[in-house]
Amino acid sequence: MAAAVEKYHDEQGIIWPESIAPYKVNIVPVNIDD
């Protein structure tokens, strides 16, 4: 995992290869109260 993070990242953070991503999709409701 450390090797993957070192190879696949940018200034924003990790860019997981799809094959080892902890989750493939993150759903973000901007306002959960809406």
All heavy atoms as atom14 arrays in JSON, in Angstrom:
{
  "sequence": "MAAAVEKYHDEQGIIWPESIAPYKVNIVPVNIDD",
  "atom14_mask": [
    [1, 1, 1, 1, 1, 1, 1, 1, 0, 0, 0, 0, 0, 0],
    [1, 1, 1, 1, 1, 0, 0, 0, 0, 0, 0, 0, 0, 0],
    [1, 1, 1, 1, 1, 0, 0, 0, 0, 0, 0, 0, 0, 0],
    [1, 1, 1, 1, 1, 0, 0, 0, 0, 0, 0, 0, 0, 0],
    [1, 1, 1, 1, 1, 1, 1, 0, 0, 0, 0, 0, 0, 0],
    [1, 1, 1, 1, 1, 1, 1, 1, 1, 0, 0, 0, 0, 0],
    [1, 1, 1, 1, 1, 1, 1, 1, 1, 0, 0, 0, 0, 0],
    [1, 1, 1, 1, 1, 1, 1, 1, 1, 1, 1, 1, 0, 0],
    [1, 1, 1, 1, 1, 1, 1, 1, 1, 1, 0, 0, 0, 0],
    [1, 1, 1, 1, 1, 1, 1, 1, 0, 0, 0, 0, 0, 0],
    [1, 1, 1, 1, 1, 1, 1, 1, 1, 0, 0, 0, 0, 0],
    [1, 1, 1, 1, 1, 1, 1, 1, 1, 0, 0, 0, 0, 0],
    [1, 1, 1, 1, 0, 0, 0, 0, 0, 0, 0, 0, 0, 0],
    [1, 1, 1, 1, 1, 1, 1, 1, 0, 0, 0, 0, 0, 0],
    [1, 1, 1, 1, 1, 1, 1, 1, 0, 0, 0, 0, 0, 0],
    [1, 1, 1, 1, 1, 1, 1, 1, 1, 1, 1, 1, 1, 1],
    [1, 1, 1, 1, 1, 1, 1, 0, 0, 0, 0, 0, 0, 0],
    [1, 1, 1, 1, 1, 1, 1, 1, 1, 0, 0, 0, 0, 0],
    [1, 1, 1, 1, 1, 1, 0, 0, 0, 0, 0, 0, 0, 0],
    [1, 1, 1, 1, 1, 1, 1, 1, 0, 0, 0, 0, 0, 0],
    [1, 1, 1, 1, 1, 0, 0, 0, 0, 0, 0, 0, 0, 0],
    [1, 1, 1, 1, 1, 1, 1, 0, 0, 0, 0, 0, 0, 0],
    [1, 1, 1, 1, 1, 1, 1, 1, 1, 1, 1, 1, 0, 0],
    [1, 1, 1, 1, 1, 1, 1, 1, 1, 0, 0, 0, 0, 0],
    [1, 1, 1, 1, 1, 1, 1, 0, 0, 0, 0, 0, 0, 0],
    [1, 1, 1, 1, 1, 1, 1, 1, 0, 0, 0, 0, 0, 0],
    [1, 1, 1, 1, 1, 1, 1, 1, 0, 0, 0, 0, 0, 0],
    [1, 1, 1, 1, 1, 1, 1, 0, 0, 0, 0, 0, 0, 0],
    [1, 1, 1, 1, 1, 1, 1, 0, 0, 0, 0, 0, 0, 0],
    [1, 1, 1, 1, 1, 1, 1, 0, 0, 0, 0, 0, 0, 0],
    [1, 1, 1, 1, 1, 1, 1, 1, 0, 0, 0, 0, 0, 0],
    [1, 1, 1, 1, 1, 1, 1, 1, 0, 0, 0, 0, 0, 0],
    [1, 1, 1, 1, 1, 1, 1, 1, 0, 0, 0, 0, 0, 0],
    [1, 1, 1, 1, 1, 1, 1, 1, 0, 0, 0, 0, 0, 0]
  ],
  "atom14_positions": [
    [[0.84, -1.2, 0.0], [0.0, 0.0, 0.0], [0.87, 1.26, 0.0], [0.59, 2.21, -0.72], [-0.94, 0.0, 1.19], [-2.02, -1.06, 1.09], [-3.1, -1.1, 2.5], [-3.97, 0.43, 2.29], [0.0, 0.0, 0.0], [0.0, 0.0, 0.0], [0.0, 0.0, 0.0], [0.0, 0.0, 0.0], [0.0, 0.0, 0.0], [0.0, 0.0, 0.0]],
    [[1.93, 1.24, 0.81], [2.83, 2.4, 0.85], [3.48, 2.64, -0.51], [3.61, 3.78, -0.95], [3.9, 2.19, 1.93], [0.0, 0.0, 0.0], [0.0, 0.0, 0.0], [0.0, 0.0, 0.0], [0.0, 0.0, 0.0], [0.0, 0.0, 0.0], [0.0, 0.0, 0.0], [0.0, 0.0, 0.0], [0.0, 0.0, 0.0], [0.0, 0.0, 0.0]],
    [[3.84, 1.57, -1.18], [4.44, 1.7, -2.52], [3.43, 2.3, -3.5], [3.78, 3.16, -4.31], [4.92, 0.33, -3.02], [0.0, 0.0, 0.0], [0.0, 0.0, 0.0], [0.0, 0.0, 0.0], [0.0, 0.0, 0.0], [0.0, 0.0, 0.0], [0.0, 0.0, 0.0], [0.0, 0.0, 0.0], [0.0, 0.0, 0.0], [0.0, 0.0, 0.0]],
    [[2.18, 1.85, -3.41], [1.14, 2.39, -4.29], [0.91, 3.87, -4.02], [0.79, 4.67, -4.96], [-0.17, 1.61, -4.12], [0.0, 0.0, 0.0], [0.0, 0.0, 0.0], [0.0, 0.0, 0.0], [0.0, 0.0, 0.0], [0.0, 0.0, 0.0], [0.0, 0.0, 0.0], [0.0, 0.0, 0.0], [0.0, 0.0, 0.0], [0.0, 0.0, 0.0]],
    [[0.88, 4.24, -2.75], [0.67, 5.66, -2.4], [1.84, 6.51, -2.9], [1.65, 7.6, -3.42], [0.46, 5.83, -0.88], [0.49, 7.3, -0.49], [-0.84, 5.19, -0.45], [0.0, 0.0, 0.0], [0.0, 0.0, 0.0], [0.0, 0.0, 0.0], [0.0, 0.0, 0.0], [0.0, 0.0, 0.0], [0.0, 0.0, 0.0], [0.0, 0.0, 0.0]],
    [[3.06, 5.98, -2.76], [4.22, 6.74, -3.22], [4.19, 6.93, -4.73], [4.56, 7.97, -5.24], [5.51, 6.04, -2.8], [6.73, 6.89, -3.09], [7.98, 6.4, -2.41], [7.91, 6.04, -1.22], [9.03, 6.38, -3.07], [0.0, 0.0, 0.0], [0.0, 0.0, 0.0], [0.0, 0.0, 0.0], [0.0, 0.0, 0.0], [0.0, 0.0, 0.0]],
    [[3.73, 5.93, -5.44], [3.69, 6.01, -6.9], [2.48, 6.8, -7.4], [2.57, 7.52, -8.37], [3.69, 4.61, -7.5], [3.63, 4.61, -9.01], [4.25, 3.39, -9.6], [4.17, 3.34, -11.1], [4.88, 4.35, -11.81], [0.0, 0.0, 0.0], [0.0, 0.0, 0.0], [0.0, 0.0, 0.0], [0.0, 0.0, 0.0], [0.0, 0.0, 0.0]],
    [[1.32, 6.63, -6.74], [0.08, 7.21, -7.23], [-0.44, 8.28, -6.27], [-1.28, 8.01, -5.42], [-0.99, 6.12, -7.42], [-0.56, 5.04, -8.37], [-0.18, 3.78, -7.89], [-0.5, 5.26, -9.74], [0.23, 2.78, -8.76], [-0.1, 4.26, -10.61], [0.27, 3.03, -10.11], [0.67, 2.04, -10.97], [0.0, 0.0, 0.0], [0.0, 0.0, 0.0]],
    [[0.03, 9.48, -6.44], [-0.43, 10.59, -5.61], [-0.16, 11.9, -6.35], [0.55, 11.92, -7.35], [0.29, 10.61, -4.26], [1.73, 11.02, -4.36], [2.73, 10.15, -4.77], [2.32, 12.22, -4.15], [3.87, 10.8, -4.8], [3.66, 12.05, -4.44], [0.0, 0.0, 0.0], [0.0, 0.0, 0.0], [0.0, 0.0, 0.0], [0.0, 0.0, 0.0]],
    [[-0.76, 12.95, -5.86], [-0.45, 14.29, -6.32], [-0.5, 15.21, -5.11], [-0.58, 14.74, -3.97], [-1.4, 14.74, -7.45], [-2.86, 14.8, -7.06], [-3.16, 14.78, -5.83], [-3.71, 14.88, -7.95], [0.0, 0.0, 0.0], [0.0, 0.0, 0.0], [0.0, 0.0, 0.0], [0.0, 0.0, 0.0], [0.0, 0.0, 0.0], [0.0, 0.0, 0.0]],
    [[-0.49, 16.51, -5.34], [-0.46, 17.46, -4.22], [-1.75, 17.45, -3.4], [-1.78, 17.9, -2.27], [-0.15, 18.88, -4.7], [-1.14, 19.45, -5.7], [-0.95, 18.97, -7.14], [0.09, 18.35, -7.45], [-1.85, 19.21, -7.94], [0.0, 0.0, 0.0], [0.0, 0.0, 0.0], [0.0, 0.0, 0.0], [0.0, 0.0, 0.0], [0.0, 0.0, 0.0]],
    [[-2.83, 16.85, -3.96], [-4.11, 16.77, -3.23], [-4.2, 15.55, -2.33], [-4.98, 15.52, -1.39], [-5.29, 16.72, -4.2], [-5.3, 17.76, -5.3], [-5.21, 19.18, -4.81], [-5.83, 19.53, -3.82], [-4.43, 19.99, -5.48], [0.0, 0.0, 0.0], [0.0, 0.0, 0.0], [0.0, 0.0, 0.0], [0.0, 0.0, 0.0], [0.0, 0.0, 0.0]],
    [[-3.43, 14.5, -2.65], [-3.49, 13.27, -1.86], [-3.28, 12.04, -2.72], [-2.64, 12.08, -3.76], [0.0, 0.0, 0.0], [0.0, 0.0, 0.0], [0.0, 0.0, 0.0], [0.0, 0.0, 0.0], [0.0, 0.0, 0.0], [0.0, 0.0, 0.0], [0.0, 0.0, 0.0], [0.0, 0.0, 0.0], [0.0, 0.0, 0.0], [0.0, 0.0, 0.0]],
    [[-3.86, 10.94, -2.27], [-3.7, 9.64, -2.93], [-4.58, 9.58, -4.17], [-5.66, 10.18, -4.22], [-4.12, 8.51, -1.96], [-3.32, 8.58, -0.66], [-3.95, 7.14, -2.62], [-3.87, 7.7, 0.45], [0.0, 0.0, 0.0], [0.0, 0.0, 0.0], [0.0, 0.0, 0.0], [0.0, 0.0, 0.0], [0.0, 0.0, 0.0], [0.0, 0.0, 0.0]],
    [[-4.12, 8.84, -5.17], [-4.93, 8.5, -6.34], [-4.88, 6.98, -6.44], [-4.02, 6.42, -7.12], [-4.39, 9.16, -7.63], [-4.28, 10.67, -7.47], [-5.27, 8.79, -8.82], [-3.56, 11.37, -8.61], [0.0, 0.0, 0.0], [0.0, 0.0, 0.0], [0.0, 0.0, 0.0], [0.0, 0.0, 0.0], [0.0, 0.0, 0.0], [0.0, 0.0, 0.0]],
    [[-5.77, 6.3, -5.72], [-5.72, 4.84, -5.68], [-5.96, 4.24, -7.05], [-6.89, 4.62, -7.74], [-6.8, 4.28, -4.75], [-6.54, 4.43, -3.31], [-7.22, 5.21, -2.44], [-5.51, 3.8, -2.54], [-6.68, 5.1, -1.17], [-5.64, 4.23, -1.21], [-4.49, 2.89, -2.85], [-4.79, 3.8, -0.2], [-3.64, 2.46, -1.84], [-3.79, 2.91, -0.54]],
    [[-5.15, 3.27, -7.43], [-5.52, 2.47, -8.61], [-6.83, 1.76, -8.27], [-7.02, 1.32, -7.12], [-4.37, 1.46, -8.73], [-3.22, 2.07, -7.98], [-3.84, 2.88, -6.88], [0.0, 0.0, 0.0], [0.0, 0.0, 0.0], [0.0, 0.0, 0.0], [0.0, 0.0, 0.0], [0.0, 0.0, 0.0], [0.0, 0.0, 0.0], [0.0, 0.0, 0.0]],
    [[-7.71, 1.65, -9.21], [-9.03, 1.08, -8.94], [-8.95, -0.31, -8.3], [-9.77, -0.66, -7.47], [-9.84, 1.01, -10.23], [-10.2, 2.38, -10.75], [-10.79, 2.36, -12.15], [-11.07, 1.27, -12.68], [-10.94, 3.45, -12.72], [0.0, 0.0, 0.0], [0.0, 0.0, 0.0], [0.0, 0.0, 0.0], [0.0, 0.0, 0.0], [0.0, 0.0, 0.0]],
    [[-7.94, -1.09, -8.68], [-7.86, -2.47, -8.19], [-7.61, -2.57, -6.69], [-7.92, -3.59, -6.08], [-6.76, -3.22, -8.94], [-5.51, -2.58, -8.74], [0.0, 0.0, 0.0], [0.0, 0.0, 0.0], [0.0, 0.0, 0.0], [0.0, 0.0, 0.0], [0.0, 0.0, 0.0], [0.0, 0.0, 0.0], [0.0, 0.0, 0.0], [0.0, 0.0, 0.0]],
    [[-7.05, -1.52, -6.07], [-6.77, -1.59, -4.63], [-7.4, -0.46, -3.83], [-7.11, -0.3, -2.65], [-5.25, -1.66, -4.34], [-4.52, -0.41, -4.87], [-4.65, -2.93, -4.9], [-3.06, -0.33, -4.46], [0.0, 0.0, 0.0], [0.0, 0.0, 0.0], [0.0, 0.0, 0.0], [0.0, 0.0, 0.0], [0.0, 0.0, 0.0], [0.0, 0.0, 0.0]],
    [[-8.27, 0.31, -4.45], [-8.94, 1.4, -3.74], [-9.81, 0.84, -2.63], [-10.5, -0.16, -2.83], [-9.79, 2.22, -4.71], [0.0, 0.0, 0.0], [0.0, 0.0, 0.0], [0.0, 0.0, 0.0], [0.0, 0.0, 0.0], [0.0, 0.0, 0.0], [0.0, 0.0, 0.0], [0.0, 0.0, 0.0], [0.0, 0.0, 0.0], [0.0, 0.0, 0.0]],
    [[-9.82, 1.48, -1.45], [-10.66, 0.98, -0.36], [-12.15, 1.01, -0.71], [-12.91, 0.14, -0.29], [-10.35, 1.9, 0.81], [-9.65, 3.08, 0.23], [-9.06, 2.66, -1.08], [0.0, 0.0, 0.0], [0.0, 0.0, 0.0], [0.0, 0.0, 0.0], [0.0, 0.0, 0.0], [0.0, 0.0, 0.0], [0.0, 0.0, 0.0], [0.0, 0.0, 0.0]],
    [[-12.55, 2.0, -1.45], [-13.89, 2.11, -2.03], [-13.72, 2.69, -3.41], [-12.85, 3.53, -3.64], [-14.81, 3.03, -1.21], [-15.17, 2.47, 0.14], [-14.43, 2.79, 1.27], [-16.25, 1.6, 0.28], [-14.75, 2.27, 2.51], [-16.58, 1.07, 1.52], [-15.83, 1.41, 2.63], [-16.15, 0.88, 3.85], [0.0, 0.0, 0.0], [0.0, 0.0, 0.0]],
    [[-14.56, 2.3, -4.34], [-14.45, 2.81, -5.71], [-15.12, 4.17, -5.88], [-14.68, 4.99, -6.66], [-15.07, 1.83, -6.7], [-14.59, 0.4, -6.6], [-13.13, 0.26, -6.89], [-12.74, -1.2, -6.99], [-11.81, -1.67, -6.02], [0.0, 0.0, 0.0], [0.0, 0.0, 0.0], [0.0, 0.0, 0.0], [0.0, 0.0, 0.0], [0.0, 0.0, 0.0]],
    [[-16.22, 4.37, -5.13], [-17.03, 5.57, -5.31], [-17.32, 6.21, -3.96], [-17.64, 5.52, -3.0], [-18.37, 5.23, -6.01], [-19.23, 6.48, -6.19], [-18.13, 4.54, -7.35], [0.0, 0.0, 0.0], [0.0, 0.0, 0.0], [0.0, 0.0, 0.0], [0.0, 0.0, 0.0], [0.0, 0.0, 0.0], [0.0, 0.0, 0.0], [0.0, 0.0, 0.0]],
    [[-17.19, 7.54, -3.92], [-17.56, 8.32, -2.74], [-18.71, 9.23, -3.15], [-18.57, 10.06, -4.05], [-16.38, 9.15, -2.26], [-16.69, 9.98, -1.04], [-17.6, 9.69, -0.29], [-15.92, 11.02, -0.83], [0.0, 0.0, 0.0], [0.0, 0.0, 0.0], [0.0, 0.0, 0.0], [0.0, 0.0, 0.0], [0.0, 0.0, 0.0], [0.0, 0.0, 0.0]],
    [[-19.85, 9.06, -2.49], [-21.0, 9.93, -2.76], [-21.0, 11.03, -1.72], [-20.95, 10.76, -0.51], [-22.32, 9.14, -2.72], [-22.3, 8.06, -3.8], [-23.51, 10.08, -2.88], [-23.47, 7.12, -3.76], [0.0, 0.0, 0.0], [0.0, 0.0, 0.0], [0.0, 0.0, 0.0], [0.0, 0.0, 0.0], [0.0, 0.0, 0.0], [0.0, 0.0, 0.0]],
    [[-21.04, 12.27, -2.19], [-20.97, 13.43, -1.3], [-22.21, 14.3, -1.47], [-22.32, 15.06, -2.43], [-19.71, 14.28, -1.58], [-19.67, 15.5, -0.67], [-18.44, 13.45, -1.42], [0.0, 0.0, 0.0], [0.0, 0.0, 0.0], [0.0, 0.0, 0.0], [0.0, 0.0, 0.0], [0.0, 0.0, 0.0], [0.0, 0.0, 0.0], [0.0, 0.0, 0.0]],
    [[-23.17, 14.18, -0.54], [-24.26, 15.16, -0.53], [-23.72, 16.46, 0.07], [-23.18, 16.45, 1.17], [-25.33, 14.51, 0.36], [-24.6, 13.5, 1.19], [-23.35, 13.13, 0.46], [0.0, 0.0, 0.0], [0.0, 0.0, 0.0], [0.0, 0.0, 0.0], [0.0, 0.0, 0.0], [0.0, 0.0, 0.0], [0.0, 0.0, 0.0], [0.0, 0.0, 0.0]],
    [[-23.83, 17.55, -0.68], [-23.28, 18.83, -0.21], [-23.93, 19.25, 1.1], [-23.27, 19.64, 2.04], [-23.42, 19.92, -1.3], [-23.03, 21.29, -0.75], [-22.55, 19.56, -2.5], [0.0, 0.0, 0.0], [0.0, 0.0, 0.0], [0.0, 0.0, 0.0], [0.0, 0.0, 0.0], [0.0, 0.0, 0.0], [0.0, 0.0, 0.0], [0.0, 0.0, 0.0]],
    [[-25.25, 19.16, 1.15], [-26.0, 19.54, 2.35], [-26.89, 18.37, 2.74], [-27.95, 18.17, 2.16], [-26.83, 20.8, 2.08], [-27.63, 21.23, 3.29], [-27.59, 20.6, 4.35], [-28.38, 22.32, 3.13], [0.0, 0.0, 0.0], [0.0, 0.0, 0.0], [0.0, 0.0, 0.0], [0.0, 0.0, 0.0], [0.0, 0.0, 0.0], [0.0, 0.0, 0.0]],
    [[-26.45, 17.6, 3.7], [-27.18, 16.4, 4.12], [-28.56, 16.74, 4.68], [-29.46, 15.9, 4.69], [-26.34, 15.55, 5.12], [-26.9, 14.12, 5.24], [-26.25, 16.22, 6.46], [-26.77, 13.29, 4.01], [0.0, 0.0, 0.0], [0.0, 0.0, 0.0], [0.0, 0.0, 0.0], [0.0, 0.0, 0.0], [0.0, 0.0, 0.0], [0.0, 0.0, 0.0]],
    [[-28.74, 17.99, 5.12], [-30.04, 18.41, 5.65], [-31.04, 18.77, 4.56], [-32.23, 18.91, 4.83], [-29.86, 19.59, 6.61], [-29.07, 19.2, 7.85], [-29.18, 18.04, 8.28], [-28.32, 20.06, 8.37], [0.0, 0.0, 0.0], [0.0, 0.0, 0.0], [0.0, 0.0, 0.0], [0.0, 0.0, 0.0], [0.0, 0.0, 0.0], [0.0, 0.0, 0.0]],
    [[-30.56, 18.92, 3.32], [-31.44, 19.2, 2.19], [-32.12, 17.88, 1.8], [-31.45, 16.9, 1.48], [-30.65, 19.76, 1.01], [-31.51, 20.06, -0.19], [-31.89, 19.08, -0.89], [-31.79, 21.24, -0.45], [0.0, 0.0, 0.0], [0.0, 0.0, 0.0], [0.0, 0.0, 0.0], [0.0, 0.0, 0.0], [0.0, 0.0, 0.0], [0.0, 0.0, 0.0]]
  ]
}
